[in-house]
Protein backbone atom coordinates (compact mmCIF):
# COMPACT_ATOMS: atom_id res chain seq x y z
CA MET A 1 -4.60 -27.17 13.12
CA THR A 2 -8.40 -27.50 12.12
CA HIS A 3 -10.69 -25.44 10.12
CA SER A 4 -14.59 -26.53 9.96
CA ALA A 5 -17.18 -24.59 8.94
CA ILE A 6 -20.28 -24.25 11.06
CA ALA A 7 -23.54 -26.27 9.20
CA SER A 8 -26.78 -23.92 8.99
CA PRO A 9 -30.12 -25.36 10.76
CA THR A 10 -31.70 -24.94 7.56
CA PRO A 11 -34.38 -28.27 7.08
CA SER A 12 -33.56 -31.22 4.63
CA ILE A 13 -35.18 -31.31 1.58
CA ASP A 14 -37.24 -34.61 2.35
CA ALA A 15 -38.24 -33.34 5.69
CA ARG A 16 -39.47 -29.82 3.86
CA VAL A 17 -41.46 -32.27 1.61
CA ASP A 18 -42.81 -34.39 4.86
CA ARG A 19 -43.83 -31.13 6.07
CA VAL A 20 -45.81 -29.62 3.22
CA VAL A 21 -47.58 -32.91 2.47
CA LEU A 22 -48.58 -33.38 5.82
CA GLU A 23 -49.92 -30.06 6.08
CA SER A 24 -51.82 -30.43 2.60
CA GLY A 25 -52.86 -33.93 3.90
CA VAL A 26 -54.31 -32.42 7.23
CA ARG A 27 -56.07 -29.83 4.84
CA VAL A 28 -57.87 -32.18 2.44
CA LEU A 29 -58.44 -34.66 5.60
CA GLY A 30 -60.57 -31.78 7.50
CA TRP A 31 -62.49 -31.46 3.96
CA VAL A 32 -63.11 -35.39 3.44
CA ALA A 33 -64.22 -35.70 7.23
CA GLY A 34 -66.69 -32.63 6.65
CA LEU A 35 -68.00 -34.38 3.47
CA PHE A 36 -68.35 -37.58 5.20
CA ALA A 37 -69.80 -36.22 8.52
CA SER A 38 -72.54 -34.19 6.16
CA GLY A 39 -73.58 -37.34 4.28
CA ALA A 40 -73.89 -39.63 7.05
CA LEU A 41 -75.97 -37.12 8.46
CA VAL A 42 -78.14 -36.62 5.65
CA VAL A 43 -78.61 -40.28 4.95
CA LEU A 44 -79.31 -40.80 8.55
CA ILE A 45 -82.20 -37.99 8.19
CA ALA A 46 -83.72 -39.21 5.26
CA HIS A 47 -83.62 -42.97 6.41
CA TRP A 48 -85.38 -41.84 9.65
CA TRP A 49 -87.73 -40.02 7.63
CA GLN A 50 -88.69 -43.04 4.86
CA PHE A 51 -88.70 -46.04 7.08
CA GLY A 52 -88.85 -44.13 10.69
CA VAL A 53 -85.85 -45.91 12.18
CA LEU A 54 -81.98 -45.36 11.84
CA PRO A 55 -80.16 -47.23 8.95
CA LYS A 56 -77.80 -50.14 9.46
CA GLY A 57 -74.66 -50.66 8.77
CA ALA A 58 -71.65 -47.73 8.29
CA THR A 59 -73.67 -44.61 8.42
CA ILE A 60 -73.45 -43.83 12.08
CA PRO A 61 -69.67 -45.28 12.49
CA TYR A 62 -69.09 -42.92 9.53
CA LEU A 63 -70.62 -40.06 11.06
CA VAL A 64 -68.77 -40.61 15.05
CA LEU A 65 -65.71 -41.26 13.08
CA SER A 66 -65.65 -38.07 10.79
CA ILE A 67 -66.45 -35.96 14.27
CA CYS A 68 -63.11 -38.05 16.27
CA VAL A 69 -61.38 -36.68 13.14
CA MET A 70 -62.35 -32.96 13.12
CA ALA A 71 -61.96 -32.99 16.70
CA ALA A 72 -58.44 -34.17 16.22
CA ILE A 73 -57.47 -31.75 13.80
CA ARG A 74 -59.13 -28.90 15.62
CA ARG A 75 -56.99 -29.92 18.35
CA GLY A 76 -53.81 -30.01 16.20
CA GLN A 77 -52.82 -33.24 16.65
CA GLN A 78 -52.45 -33.92 12.79
CA ARG A 79 -50.97 -37.37 12.99
CA LEU A 80 -53.74 -38.68 15.11
CA ALA A 81 -56.25 -37.40 12.87
CA ILE A 82 -54.84 -39.17 9.95
CA GLY A 83 -54.51 -42.44 11.93
CA LEU A 84 -58.56 -42.02 13.06
CA PHE A 85 -59.27 -41.43 9.73
CA VAL A 86 -57.43 -44.17 7.39
CA TRP A 87 -57.65 -46.82 9.85
CA GLY A 88 -61.22 -45.74 11.00
CA MET A 89 -62.15 -46.38 7.65
CA TRP A 90 -60.89 -49.59 7.11
CA VAL A 91 -62.30 -50.73 10.04
CA VAL A 92 -65.81 -49.17 9.55
CA ALA A 93 -65.58 -50.51 5.91
CA THR A 94 -64.63 -54.07 7.07
CA ILE A 95 -67.98 -53.78 9.62
CA ALA A 96 -70.08 -52.66 6.83
CA ALA A 97 -68.77 -55.57 4.65
CA VAL A 98 -69.66 -57.91 7.49
CA THR A 99 -72.83 -56.95 8.81
CA VAL A 100 -74.23 -55.39 4.91
CA ALA A 101 -73.95 -56.96 1.88
CA GLY A 102 -70.37 -58.32 1.92
CA LEU A 103 -68.12 -57.33 -0.86
CA ASN A 104 -71.27 -55.51 -2.54
CA SER A 105 -71.80 -53.35 -0.06
CA PRO A 106 -70.84 -49.60 -0.72
CA ALA A 107 -68.39 -49.18 1.95
CA MET A 108 -66.47 -51.02 -0.49
CA LEU A 109 -66.26 -48.18 -2.56
CA GLY A 110 -64.19 -46.14 -0.18
CA VAL A 111 -61.57 -48.97 0.42
CA PRO A 112 -59.42 -48.07 -2.28
CA LEU A 113 -59.67 -43.98 -1.08
CA VAL A 114 -58.39 -44.98 2.30
CA SER A 115 -55.44 -47.12 0.61
CA MET A 116 -54.61 -44.25 -1.60
CA ALA A 117 -55.18 -41.94 1.45
CA THR A 118 -52.93 -43.79 3.60
CA GLY A 119 -49.87 -43.87 1.07
CA TRP A 120 -50.28 -40.16 0.59
CA LEU A 121 -50.71 -38.92 3.91
CA VAL A 122 -48.79 -41.57 6.13
CA GLY A 123 -46.20 -42.95 3.88
CA ARG A 124 -45.31 -45.90 1.23
CA ARG A 125 -44.81 -48.38 4.01
CA GLN A 126 -47.86 -47.47 5.83
CA GLY A 127 -49.80 -47.52 2.67
CA TRP A 128 -48.70 -51.09 2.10
CA TRP A 129 -49.64 -52.01 5.25
CA MET A 130 -52.76 -50.90 4.86
CA ALA A 131 -52.84 -52.44 1.21
CA ALA A 132 -52.15 -55.56 2.72
CA ALA A 133 -54.87 -55.16 5.45
CA CYS A 134 -57.65 -54.32 2.39
CA MET A 135 -56.59 -57.50 0.48
CA LEU A 136 -56.78 -59.56 3.55
CA MET A 137 -60.44 -57.87 4.73
CA PHE A 138 -61.55 -58.52 0.81
CA ALA A 139 -60.32 -62.22 0.95
CA VAL A 140 -62.16 -62.85 4.60
CA VAL A 141 -65.13 -60.95 3.61
CA GLY A 142 -65.13 -62.94 0.54
CA TRP A 143 -65.08 -66.40 1.98
CA LEU A 144 -67.83 -65.27 4.15
CA GLN A 145 -70.21 -64.20 1.69
CA ALA A 146 -69.25 -67.19 -0.23
CA GLN A 147 -70.35 -69.32 2.96
CA GLY A 148 -73.43 -67.56 3.19
CA ILE A 149 -72.53 -65.89 6.77
CA VAL A 150 -72.47 -62.81 5.26
CA PRO A 151 -75.90 -61.44 3.34
CA ASN A 152 -75.10 -61.49 -0.60
CA THR A 153 -77.40 -58.77 -1.69
CA VAL A 154 -79.10 -55.47 -0.26
CA VAL A 155 -81.76 -53.04 -1.28
CA ARG A 156 -80.47 -49.37 -0.79
CA PRO A 157 -82.92 -46.74 -1.51
CA PRO A 158 -81.96 -44.66 -4.70
CA LEU A 159 -81.19 -41.28 -2.48
CA PHE A 160 -78.90 -43.57 -0.53
CA MET A 161 -76.89 -44.94 -3.23
CA PHE A 162 -76.87 -41.05 -4.54
CA VAL A 163 -75.43 -39.55 -1.50
CA ILE A 164 -73.22 -42.75 -1.23
CA LEU A 165 -71.95 -42.48 -4.41
CA SER A 166 -71.34 -38.82 -4.94
CA THR A 167 -69.62 -38.61 -1.32
CA PHE A 168 -66.61 -41.25 -2.46
CA VAL A 169 -66.91 -39.28 -6.27
CA VAL A 170 -66.04 -35.86 -4.51
CA VAL A 171 -63.66 -37.48 -2.26
CA GLY A 172 -62.08 -38.55 -5.23
CA ALA A 173 -62.07 -35.64 -6.82
CA LEU A 174 -60.61 -33.76 -3.81
CA LEU A 175 -57.76 -36.28 -3.58
CA GLY A 176 -57.32 -36.33 -7.16
CA GLY A 177 -57.33 -32.45 -7.82
CA ASP A 178 -55.38 -31.75 -4.61
CA SER A 179 -52.53 -34.28 -5.46
CA MET A 180 -52.41 -32.56 -9.28
CA ASP A 181 -52.63 -29.44 -7.48
CA LYS A 182 -49.61 -30.34 -5.05
CA PHE A 183 -47.90 -31.97 -8.11
CA ARG A 184 -48.27 -28.51 -9.97
CA SER A 185 -46.87 -26.74 -7.02
CA GLU A 186 -43.75 -29.07 -6.44
CA TYR A 187 -42.70 -28.85 -9.97
CA ARG A 188 -43.04 -25.21 -10.01
CA HIS A 189 -41.08 -24.88 -7.47
CA SER A 190 -38.75 -27.35 -8.06
CA LEU A 191 -38.45 -25.12 -11.80
CA VAL A 192 -37.83 -22.09 -9.49
CA LEU A 193 -35.00 -24.01 -7.89
CA ALA A 194 -33.68 -25.31 -11.16
CA ASP A 195 -33.32 -21.75 -12.23
CA ILE A 196 -31.89 -20.52 -9.04
CA LEU A 197 -29.56 -23.24 -9.24
CA ASN A 198 -28.72 -22.45 -12.98
CA LYS A 199 -27.98 -19.02 -12.27
CA ARG A 200 -25.97 -19.87 -9.56
CA VAL A 201 -24.02 -22.35 -11.25
CA MET A 202 -23.35 -19.85 -14.21
CA GLU A 203 -22.49 -17.40 -11.32
CA LEU A 204 -20.16 -19.74 -10.05
CA ALA A 205 -18.56 -20.62 -13.52
CA ILE A 206 -17.88 -16.79 -14.03
CA SER A 207 -16.47 -16.15 -10.83
CA GLU A 208 -14.22 -19.34 -11.40
CA ARG A 209 -13.43 -18.26 -14.59
CA ARG A 210 -12.64 -14.68 -13.50
CA PHE A 211 -10.49 -16.09 -10.18
CA ALA A 212 -8.59 -18.55 -12.71
CA THR A 213 -7.91 -15.34 -15.18
CA LEU A 214 -7.10 -13.23 -12.23
CA PHE A 215 -5.02 -16.26 -10.75
CA GLN A 216 -3.01 -16.70 -13.96
CA ALA A 217 -2.64 -12.85 -14.71
CA THR A 218 -1.22 -11.67 -11.27
CA PRO A 219 2.70 -11.03 -11.73
CA LEU A 220 3.80 -12.68 -8.52
CA PRO A 221 4.49 -16.27 -8.99
CA THR A 222 1.55 -17.87 -7.01
CA ALA A 223 0.52 -21.64 -6.03
CA THR A 224 -2.40 -23.45 -4.29
CA THR A 225 -1.67 -26.91 -2.22
CA ASP A 226 -3.82 -29.05 -0.69
CA SER A 227 -3.24 -29.74 2.90
CA ALA A 228 -0.83 -32.46 2.84
CA GLY A 229 1.39 -30.41 0.52
CA HIS A 230 0.11 -31.82 -2.87
CA ILE A 231 0.64 -28.77 -5.49
CA LEU A 232 -2.99 -27.85 -6.88
CA THR A 233 -2.46 -25.10 -9.61
CA VAL A 234 0.13 -22.50 -10.33
CA ASN A 235 0.25 -19.66 -12.45
CA ALA A 236 2.15 -18.55 -15.11
CA ALA A 237 4.38 -16.47 -13.08
CA TRP A 238 5.10 -19.49 -10.97
CA GLU A 239 5.73 -21.81 -14.18
CA THR A 240 8.35 -18.92 -15.50
CA LEU A 241 10.48 -18.59 -12.25
CA MET A 242 10.83 -22.33 -11.37
CA GLY A 243 11.26 -23.58 -15.15
CA LEU A 244 8.48 -25.79 -14.80
CA SER A 245 5.14 -26.27 -15.95
CA GLY A 246 1.98 -26.86 -14.27
CA VAL A 247 1.28 -30.50 -15.43
CA GLU A 248 4.74 -31.53 -14.51
CA VAL A 249 4.42 -30.29 -10.78
CA SER A 250 0.10 -31.16 -10.73
CA GLY A 251 -0.36 -33.74 -7.95
CA ARG A 252 3.46 -33.53 -6.45
CA ARG A 253 4.10 -32.75 -3.05
CA ILE A 254 6.62 -28.97 -3.18
CA VAL A 255 9.03 -30.64 -0.99
CA ASP A 256 10.06 -33.11 -3.70
CA LEU A 257 10.81 -30.40 -6.14
CA SER A 258 14.24 -29.61 -4.85
CA VAL A 259 12.93 -25.70 -4.95
CA TRP A 260 14.21 -25.23 -1.12
CA VAL A 261 17.67 -24.75 -0.51
CA ASP A 262 17.23 -25.31 2.86
CA SER A 263 15.06 -28.23 3.88
CA GLU A 264 15.13 -27.17 7.97
CA ARG A 265 13.60 -23.67 6.81
CA PHE A 266 10.86 -25.51 5.16
CA THR A 267 10.07 -27.81 7.81
CA ALA A 268 10.05 -24.73 10.23
CA LEU A 269 7.68 -22.68 7.91
CA ASN A 270 5.33 -25.55 7.46
CA ASP A 271 5.13 -26.04 10.88
CA ILE A 272 3.85 -22.71 11.57
CA ILE A 273 1.43 -22.46 8.54
CA ARG A 274 -0.26 -25.58 10.14
CA ARG A 275 -0.34 -24.11 13.16
CA ASP A 276 -1.65 -20.24 12.32
CA GLY A 277 -2.83 -21.43 9.05
CA ARG A 278 -1.06 -18.58 7.35
CA LEU A 279 2.27 -16.97 6.72
CA ASP A 280 3.06 -13.39 6.52
CA GLY A 281 6.25 -11.96 4.85
CA ALA A 282 8.44 -14.86 5.75
CA ALA A 283 12.05 -15.14 4.33
CA ALA A 284 13.25 -18.01 2.31
CA THR A 285 15.86 -18.85 -0.33
CA LEU A 286 14.38 -20.99 -3.13
CA ASN A 287 16.18 -22.72 -6.08
CA THR A 288 14.84 -21.10 -9.52
CA ALA A 289 15.06 -21.33 -13.28
CA THR A 290 18.16 -18.80 -12.74
CA GLY A 291 19.75 -20.18 -9.63
CA PRO A 292 19.19 -19.28 -6.09
CA ARG A 293 17.00 -16.38 -4.72
CA GLU A 294 15.64 -14.53 -1.93
CA PHE A 295 11.71 -14.50 -1.30
CA LEU A 296 9.12 -13.50 0.94
CA ILE A 297 6.10 -16.11 1.01
CA PHE A 298 2.80 -15.04 2.26
CA SER A 299 0.54 -17.91 2.95
CA GLU A 300 -3.32 -18.39 3.54
CA PHE A 301 -5.68 -21.02 4.40
CA VAL A 302 -8.89 -20.96 2.19
CA GLN A 303 -12.39 -22.90 2.37
CA ALA A 304 -14.16 -22.56 -0.68
CA ASP A 305 -16.63 -24.91 -2.11
CA GLY A 306 -16.34 -27.25 0.59
CA GLU A 307 -12.42 -27.68 -0.13
CA ASP A 308 -9.48 -26.67 1.96
CA PHE A 309 -6.69 -25.47 0.29
CA TYR A 310 -3.58 -23.04 0.83
CA VAL A 311 -2.47 -20.31 -1.36
CA HIS A 312 1.32 -19.39 -1.76
CA ILE A 313 2.76 -16.19 -3.10
CA LEU A 314 6.06 -15.34 -3.52
CA LEU A 315 8.07 -11.95 -3.44
CA ASP A 316 11.28 -11.76 -4.82
CA GLN A 317 13.49 -9.57 -2.53
CA THR A 318 16.70 -10.49 -4.45
CA ASP A 319 16.96 -7.01 -6.29
CA ARG A 320 16.13 -5.24 -3.19
CA LEU A 321 18.51 -7.00 -0.94
CA ALA A 322 21.42 -6.58 -3.73
CA ALA A 323 20.42 -3.00 -3.45
CA GLU A 324 20.55 -2.35 0.20
CA ALA A 325 23.46 -4.05 0.19
CA THR A 326 24.94 -1.65 -2.11
CA GLN A 327 23.34 0.89 -0.44
CA ARG A 328 24.84 -0.16 2.40
CA GLU A 329 28.45 -0.38 1.21
CA LEU A 330 27.87 3.31 -0.43
CA SER A 331 26.56 4.31 2.94
CA GLU A 332 29.76 2.91 4.91
CA ARG A 333 32.07 4.71 1.92
CA LEU A 334 30.34 7.65 2.47
CA GLU A 335 30.69 7.61 6.38
CA GLN A 336 34.55 6.91 5.85
CA ARG A 337 34.89 9.72 3.41
CA VAL A 338 32.91 11.92 5.52
CA ALA A 339 34.93 10.79 8.53
CA GLU A 340 38.17 11.74 6.80
CA ARG A 341 37.27 14.75 5.54
CA THR A 342 35.59 15.61 9.20
CA ALA A 343 39.07 14.87 10.59
CA GLN A 344 40.60 17.43 7.75
CA LEU A 345 38.19 19.76 8.65
CA GLN A 346 39.06 19.54 12.22
CA HIS A 347 43.02 19.55 11.70
CA ALA A 348 42.38 22.59 8.85
CA GLN A 349 40.22 24.29 11.71
CA ASP A 350 42.92 23.40 14.65
CA GLU A 351 45.25 24.93 11.94
CA LEU A 352 43.35 28.03 11.47
CA ILE A 353 42.89 28.60 15.37
CA ASN A 354 46.50 27.94 15.88
CA ASN A 355 47.12 30.75 13.10
CA GLU A 356 44.43 32.81 14.68
CA LYS A 357 46.57 32.41 17.86
CA LEU A 358 50.10 33.29 15.96
CA THR A 359 48.66 36.25 14.86
CA SER A 360 47.22 37.33 18.08
CA LEU A 361 50.47 37.11 19.44
CA GLY A 362 51.83 38.18 16.49
CA SER A 363 49.70 41.77 17.05
CA MET A 364 51.13 41.44 20.82
CA VAL A 365 54.71 41.14 20.04
CA ALA A 366 54.41 44.15 17.81
CA GLY A 367 52.82 45.96 20.34
CA ILE A 368 54.98 45.17 23.09
CA SER A 369 58.12 45.58 21.07
CA HIS A 370 56.77 49.29 20.46
CA GLU A 371 56.23 49.98 23.91
CA LEU A 372 59.52 48.40 25.03
CA ASN A 373 61.36 51.16 23.08
CA THR A 374 60.52 53.87 25.29
CA PRO A 375 61.95 52.09 28.50
CA ILE A 376 64.90 50.51 27.14
CA GLY A 377 65.56 53.62 24.86
CA ASN A 378 65.66 55.57 27.97
CA ALA A 379 67.50 53.41 30.09
CA LEU A 380 70.22 53.08 26.84
CA THR A 381 70.38 56.95 26.55
CA VAL A 382 70.81 57.19 30.37
CA ALA A 383 73.28 54.78 30.88
CA SER A 384 75.18 56.28 27.55
CA THR A 385 74.99 59.58 29.64
CA LEU A 386 76.17 58.22 32.69
CA GLN A 387 78.82 56.34 30.78
CA ASP A 388 80.07 59.91 29.44
CA ARG A 389 79.90 61.68 32.74
CA ALA A 390 81.54 58.65 34.55
CA HIS A 391 84.71 59.48 32.10
CA SER A 392 85.19 62.78 32.04
CA THR A 393 84.93 62.73 35.93
CA TYR A 394 87.38 60.15 36.21
CA GLN A 395 89.56 61.95 33.62
CA ALA A 396 89.37 64.98 35.76
CA MET A 397 90.62 63.34 38.83
CA LEU A 398 93.64 62.21 37.30
CA ASP A 399 94.25 64.97 35.93
CA GLY A 400 94.00 66.75 39.74
CA GLN A 401 90.99 69.18 38.62
CA LEU A 402 88.31 67.33 40.14
CA LYS A 403 86.36 69.90 42.55
CA ARG A 404 84.19 69.09 45.05
CA SER A 405 81.11 70.92 43.84
CA VAL A 406 81.73 68.86 40.40
CA LEU A 407 81.65 65.74 42.46
CA GLU A 408 78.72 66.17 44.28
CA GLN A 409 76.69 66.99 41.38
CA TYR A 410 77.84 64.07 39.44
CA LEU A 411 76.97 61.46 42.12
CA LYS A 412 73.88 63.52 42.40
CA GLN A 413 73.27 63.02 38.55
CA SER A 414 74.65 59.48 38.85
CA CYS A 415 71.69 58.57 41.56
CA ASP A 416 68.92 60.19 39.12
CA MET A 417 70.37 58.52 35.80
CA ALA A 418 70.45 54.98 38.18
CA ASP A 419 66.87 55.53 39.39
CA LEU A 420 65.80 55.96 35.66
CA ILE A 421 67.78 53.38 34.41
CA GLN A 422 65.83 50.99 37.16
CA ARG A 423 62.68 52.46 36.42
CA SER A 424 62.75 51.77 32.69
CA ASN A 425 64.27 48.01 33.05
CA ALA A 426 61.44 47.42 35.70
CA ARG A 427 58.79 48.50 33.20
CA ALA A 428 60.39 46.49 30.62
CA ALA A 429 60.82 43.33 32.93
CA GLU A 430 56.91 43.78 33.56
CA LEU A 431 55.96 43.81 29.79
CA ILE A 432 57.97 40.88 29.06
CA THR A 433 56.72 38.99 31.98
CA SER A 434 52.82 39.94 31.42
CA PHE A 435 53.59 38.54 27.59
CA LYS A 436 55.36 35.81 28.58
CA GLN A 437 52.70 34.37 30.72
CA VAL A 438 50.24 35.09 28.19
CA ALA A 439 52.16 33.73 25.23
CA ILE A 440 52.64 30.63 27.22
CA ASP A 441 49.28 30.18 28.36
CA GLN A 442 47.65 30.90 24.90
CA THR A 443 49.91 28.27 23.19
CA SER A 444 49.91 25.51 25.56
CA GLU A 445 46.22 25.53 26.89
CA GLN A 446 47.70 24.10 30.40
CA ARG A 447 45.20 23.75 33.16
CA ARG A 448 46.09 25.22 36.41
CA ASP A 449 44.84 27.36 39.51
CA PHE A 450 45.08 31.36 38.59
CA LEU A 451 43.74 34.43 40.25
CA LEU A 452 41.45 36.21 37.64
CA ALA A 453 42.34 39.62 37.95
CA GLN A 454 46.03 38.52 37.38
CA VAL A 455 45.31 36.85 33.97
CA VAL A 456 42.91 40.01 33.32
CA GLU A 457 45.61 42.28 34.00
CA ASP A 458 48.20 40.52 32.29
CA VAL A 459 46.09 40.16 29.16
CA LEU A 460 44.95 44.12 29.32
CA ALA A 461 48.79 44.86 29.79
CA THR A 462 49.75 43.27 26.63
CA LEU A 463 46.77 45.16 24.82
CA ALA A 464 47.88 48.56 26.46
CA PRO A 465 50.32 49.41 23.71
CA ALA A 466 48.12 49.02 20.95
CA LEU A 467 45.60 50.67 22.48
CA LYS A 468 47.43 53.68 23.67
CA SER A 469 47.41 55.29 20.19
CA GLN A 470 43.37 54.68 20.32
CA PRO A 471 40.99 57.33 21.50
CA TYR A 472 39.05 54.72 23.46
CA HIS A 473 39.24 54.25 27.19
CA MET A 474 38.92 50.66 28.95
CA THR A 475 37.68 50.07 33.01
CA HIS A 476 37.49 46.84 34.32
CA SER A 477 36.21 45.43 37.77
CA VAL A 478 37.20 42.15 38.85
CA PRO A 479 36.99 40.97 42.12
CA HIS A 480 40.45 40.26 43.56
CA GLY A 481 40.72 37.04 45.53
CA LEU A 482 38.21 35.16 42.86
CA ARG A 483 40.49 31.91 41.75
CA CYS A 484 39.88 29.55 38.88
CA ASP A 485 40.74 26.12 38.44
CA SER A 486 40.54 26.24 34.50
CA TYR A 487 42.65 27.06 31.33
CA PRO A 488 43.99 30.78 31.38
CA GLY A 489 45.39 30.84 28.08
CA PRO A 490 42.10 29.81 26.45
CA LEU A 491 40.19 32.49 29.00
CA GLY A 492 42.93 35.22 28.18
CA GLN A 493 42.59 34.56 24.19
CA ILE A 494 38.52 35.16 24.34
CA LEU A 495 39.52 38.40 26.37
CA THR A 496 41.91 39.62 23.82
CA THR A 497 39.47 38.59 20.95
CA LEU A 498 36.43 40.49 22.39
CA VAL A 499 38.58 43.80 23.52
CA GLN A 500 40.19 43.51 20.10
CA ASN A 501 36.61 43.14 18.33
CA ALA A 502 35.23 46.13 20.50
CA VAL A 503 37.82 48.61 19.16
CA GLN A 504 37.98 47.15 15.70
CA HIS A 505 34.40 47.39 15.26
CA GLY A 506 32.59 48.43 17.60
CA PHE A 507 33.46 52.40 17.53
CA GLU A 508 33.84 52.43 14.00
CA GLY A 509 33.33 55.95 13.04
CA ARG A 510 33.77 57.42 16.25
CA SER A 511 36.49 59.43 18.05
CA HIS A 512 35.28 57.89 21.78
CA GLY A 513 34.19 54.78 23.56
CA VAL A 514 34.07 53.06 26.52
CA ILE A 515 35.23 49.46 27.04
CA THR A 516 34.39 48.01 30.43
CA ILE A 517 35.03 44.37 31.93
CA GLU A 518 33.31 43.19 34.73
CA ALA A 519 33.31 39.80 36.59
CA GLU A 520 31.22 38.07 39.37
CA ASN A 521 31.10 34.71 40.85
CA ARG A 522 27.42 33.46 40.22
CA ASP A 523 26.50 29.99 41.91
CA ASP A 524 30.29 29.04 41.02
CA ASN A 525 29.92 30.00 37.81
CA LEU A 526 32.57 33.04 36.41
CA MET A 527 30.43 35.54 34.73
CA LEU A 528 32.73 37.61 32.67
CA ILE A 529 31.19 40.41 30.77
CA VAL A 530 32.68 42.42 28.10
CA ALA A 531 30.56 45.57 27.06
CA ASP A 532 30.75 49.01 24.71
CA ASN A 533 28.83 51.76 24.15
CA GLY A 534 29.63 51.56 20.15
CA ILE A 535 27.47 51.47 17.45
CA GLY A 536 26.22 47.82 17.92
CA MET A 537 25.17 45.10 15.33
CA THR A 538 22.37 44.74 13.25
CA PRO A 539 19.98 41.58 13.59
CA ALA A 540 21.68 40.15 10.21
CA THR A 541 25.42 40.35 11.69
CA LEU A 542 23.99 39.47 14.83
CA ALA A 543 22.81 35.94 13.69
CA HIS A 544 25.78 35.30 12.02
CA VAL A 545 28.53 36.93 14.50
CA PHE A 546 29.85 33.23 15.74
CA ASP A 547 30.20 31.92 12.00
CA PRO A 548 33.27 31.04 10.71
CA PHE A 549 34.82 33.29 8.40
CA PHE A 550 32.31 35.75 8.75
CA THR A 551 33.64 39.43 8.74
CA THR A 552 32.29 42.72 8.22
CA LYS A 553 35.89 43.48 7.24
CA LEU A 554 36.51 41.62 4.03
CA GLY A 555 39.50 42.50 2.73
CA GLN A 556 40.54 44.97 5.63
CA GLY A 557 42.75 42.58 7.10
CA GLY A 558 39.60 40.74 9.10
CA SER A 559 40.20 36.83 9.08
CA GLY A 560 36.46 35.87 10.38
CA LEU A 561 37.35 33.44 12.79
CA GLY A 562 38.21 35.52 16.28
CA LEU A 563 34.66 34.85 17.59
CA SER A 564 34.11 31.77 15.71
CA VAL A 565 36.97 30.44 17.94
CA SER A 566 36.63 32.07 20.93
CA HIS A 567 33.22 30.48 20.80
CA ARG A 568 34.67 27.21 20.30
CA LEU A 569 37.13 28.07 23.51
CA ALA A 570 34.38 28.67 25.66
CA THR A 571 32.25 25.52 24.93
CA ARG A 572 34.84 22.96 24.00
CA VAL A 573 37.73 23.81 26.46
CA LEU A 574 36.27 25.89 29.14
CA GLY A 575 32.88 23.68 29.30
CA GLY A 576 30.77 27.07 29.30
CA SER A 577 29.03 29.56 26.82
CA LEU A 578 29.60 32.37 25.02
CA THR A 579 26.74 34.86 24.28
CA VAL A 580 25.92 38.49 23.00
CA SER A 581 23.27 40.96 22.92
CA SER A 582 22.98 43.95 20.83
CA GLN A 583 21.20 46.55 19.23
CA PRO A 584 22.15 49.13 16.24
CA GLY A 585 23.65 52.24 18.32
CA ALA A 586 23.13 50.65 21.51
CA GLY A 587 26.45 48.98 22.15
CA THR A 588 27.51 45.24 22.11
CA ARG A 589 27.38 43.02 25.08
CA PHE A 590 29.46 39.77 25.44
CA ILE A 591 28.76 37.57 28.25
CA LEU A 592 31.06 34.64 29.26
CA GLN A 593 29.83 31.93 31.73
CA ILE A 594 32.20 29.29 32.59
CA PRO A 595 32.42 27.10 35.47
CA LEU A 596 35.47 28.12 38.34
CA ARG A 597 36.49 24.65 38.05
CA ALA A 598 36.82 23.56 34.72
CA PRO A 599 35.29 19.85 33.83
CA GLY A 600 38.04 19.43 31.55
CA LYS A 601 38.61 19.48 27.33
CA LEU A 602 35.39 18.71 25.70
């Protein structure tokens, strides 16, 4: 992965200096060209006024050159203006020296200025070339002057010399003053830059001290490395963790410190860092001063002060992982204990349900026993009477005292007694059959095909003896032919509980009441409704009616399990639901909704 900073388009210092020098030099050059043009024009006018002719020498070339330089400056051709000025001045001075007075020509006074201006405006290299050209020109003109080829003297009017000398003095002053102003400006600018630089250096030093303080004070073990993996710095927390000082590890590769337990893991993470430039919480096991520990490693690529390096932070996870392992172990133990306790509670619930069934069957047995007393007692009494009459009739026949009328009366009474015995035994057999079927269904919970009306009648037959002494009336409307493939035992137990609940709780304080049982087939679902016109239930009682052990007859024989068990049988065995609606004074209505074909035990 390559990380590079985008360079800003800020000009270099040399370029800035060249630009400033060029601009200021051209500005001064414009002034100088103007002065030369003005001076040449004054000389021309004065010479014409005094002698009536134009002067010879460099006056006219100076005027033409100055006008050309100012024109180039006006058109923005700065370098052309500079070239015209410096080399034009050299050419004009050379022409003046050759034609007028040689080295004594006043034009020679401007040659040093030309050389100085060349070095300032064009550069040192061009300045040396100009100096060499001037020296060559001096040598040639001097030789020509020595050979008498060039005139050796010149006579000029005082005004002419005054103008020439004044012009060069002013030009020299301008160049010198501007140079000094430029020097002062640049020096002032240098001082400002120096102040800014010093301020930046101080700020950088403060920032570095703050970073170093923060780096050392952070409680997380932290290290920095270069791109090759050599350690640059480590903080105190890292030294304490690894048992190594910063001096010992500085410059060493981190892979050479035997810190990594798994070298393959180091290679994999190192590849990720080089590819992505960072790590975001990578897990690793590292050797420390106290032994191997588990860490999350956070790494980030950083560029600062032109240097590239990586910052690595270690987050110790050993204690957290140990706590999580302990938590998992505790959770597993707790889940095991909960499962065991749930199994125990389920077993206890099953026992309670069985006890509830036995209690219900016990109540049925008591009622059936009481109900059987009448037919069996009647049959026994009639049988005893019939036995006595048979013995007496038989004895009369043996004694020869049996009359026809007595025999007819005996036979008639025997038929009546036999009919009574038969009816009593049939009633007893009917009661026993109903109880037997209900007992088998409720204790075995076997699935079978049955007629709903038959199950309801069997249950009501077993409940009839207990209800005979109660002042309540019970009616039922169950369609004949409504067949179910389900569990008649749980269904009968639910019906028994609902009827008994109505008798025990629904008519408390009342001397009359009606219990109705209705059934219908609604979309292959059985809707069995058990309702009473009793006292109803309060909202508080209604909210807990299916809760285990909830009863309003605490201490009066109520276990509080009847409706809870019924709800469980309706949902988990019959695959349906048991709901209730009630209002105080408006009776209670239970609705058992189950599929005609049970899905099986849930």
